[in-house]
Amino acid sequence: MGVLPEFHRRGIGSRLFAEAKKKAQAMGYSFLQVKTVQMGKYEEYDRTNRFYLAMGFQEFEVFPALWDEWNPCQIYVMSLK
């Protein structure tokens, strides 16, 4: 799920996320997980990282070579309980 750049900073992503979180909770899930490129590699992904942190996700683990050495995979998790 994503929001086109021209629609950023309008609350669309936050509303989409809130609905996805409610749906996951209703389905009985305990956690949400997202993957992105580790903070500090590319500004466009840094914005994504900051969004996830603002939504309440916490850093879980980085896999330096899951995708490739230029794109270390950052895992974020959130408890739904």
Protein backbone atom coordinates (compact mmCIF):
# COMPACT_ATOMS: atom_id res chain seq x y z
CA MET A 1 0.00 0.00 0.00
CA GLY A 2 1.29 3.44 -0.75
CA VAL A 3 0.32 7.00 -1.56
CA LEU A 4 1.55 8.79 -4.66
CA PRO A 5 4.02 11.58 -3.82
CA GLU A 6 1.72 14.32 -5.11
CA PHE A 7 -0.82 13.29 -2.43
CA HIS A 8 1.63 13.12 0.51
CA ARG A 9 1.09 15.25 3.64
CA ARG A 10 -2.70 15.22 3.30
CA GLY A 11 -3.48 12.54 5.90
CA ILE A 12 -4.31 9.92 3.30
CA GLY A 13 -1.60 7.49 4.42
CA SER A 14 -2.56 7.89 8.07
CA ARG A 15 -6.21 7.16 7.29
CA LEU A 16 -5.30 4.14 5.14
CA PHE A 17 -3.09 2.83 7.90
CA ALA A 18 -5.76 3.35 10.58
CA GLU A 19 -8.22 1.28 8.52
CA ALA A 20 -5.66 -1.47 7.86
CA LYS A 21 -4.84 -1.60 11.58
CA LYS A 22 -8.53 -1.86 12.54
CA LYS A 23 -9.02 -4.66 10.01
CA ALA A 24 -5.98 -6.57 11.31
CA GLN A 25 -7.24 -6.22 14.89
CA ALA A 26 -10.72 -7.39 13.88
CA MET A 27 -9.15 -10.43 12.21
CA GLY A 28 -7.38 -11.30 15.47
CA TYR A 29 -3.80 -10.49 14.47
CA SER A 30 -1.36 -9.71 17.30
CA PHE A 31 1.25 -7.77 15.34
CA LEU A 32 1.81 -5.75 12.19
CA GLN A 33 5.12 -5.80 10.35
CA VAL A 34 6.49 -3.59 7.59
CA LYS A 35 9.72 -3.72 5.62
CA THR A 36 11.57 -0.80 4.08
CA VAL A 37 15.11 0.34 3.37
CA GLN A 38 17.06 1.22 6.51
CA MET A 39 17.05 4.84 7.64
CA GLY A 40 19.95 6.91 6.36
CA LYS A 41 20.35 5.31 2.92
CA TYR A 42 17.94 7.30 0.73
CA GLU A 43 15.86 10.38 1.60
CA GLU A 44 12.69 8.97 0.01
CA TYR A 45 12.92 5.92 2.27
CA ASP A 46 13.82 8.07 5.27
CA ARG A 47 10.44 9.75 4.83
CA THR A 48 8.84 6.29 4.78
CA ASN A 49 10.73 5.31 7.94
CA ARG A 50 9.59 8.47 9.72
CA PHE A 51 5.99 7.74 8.70
CA TYR A 52 6.14 4.23 10.17
CA LEU A 53 7.69 5.55 13.40
CA ALA A 54 4.98 8.24 13.61
CA MET A 55 2.31 5.54 13.22
CA GLY A 56 3.73 3.73 16.26
CA PHE A 57 5.94 1.07 14.71
CA GLN A 58 9.17 0.18 16.48
CA GLU A 59 12.46 -0.90 14.94
CA PHE A 60 12.85 -4.66 15.17
CA GLU A 61 15.76 -5.82 13.02
CA VAL A 62 17.89 -4.92 10.01
CA PHE A 63 18.87 -7.52 7.43
CA PRO A 64 21.90 -5.95 5.70
CA ALA A 65 21.84 -8.22 2.65
CA LEU A 66 18.26 -9.52 2.38
CA TRP A 67 17.63 -7.47 -0.76
CA ASP A 68 21.19 -6.39 -1.59
CA GLU A 69 24.07 -4.51 0.05
CA TRP A 70 22.80 -1.11 -1.19
CA ASN A 71 19.33 -1.64 0.28
CA PRO A 72 19.50 -2.99 3.84
CA CYS A 73 16.06 -4.22 4.88
CA GLN A 74 14.64 -2.55 8.00
CA ILE A 75 11.87 -4.47 9.78
CA TYR A 76 9.42 -2.55 11.94
CA VAL A 77 6.77 -4.15 14.14
CA MET A 78 3.75 -2.98 16.07
CA SER A 79 1.76 -4.81 18.72
CA LEU A 80 -1.98 -4.79 18.20
CA LYS A 81 -2.77 -5.92 21.76
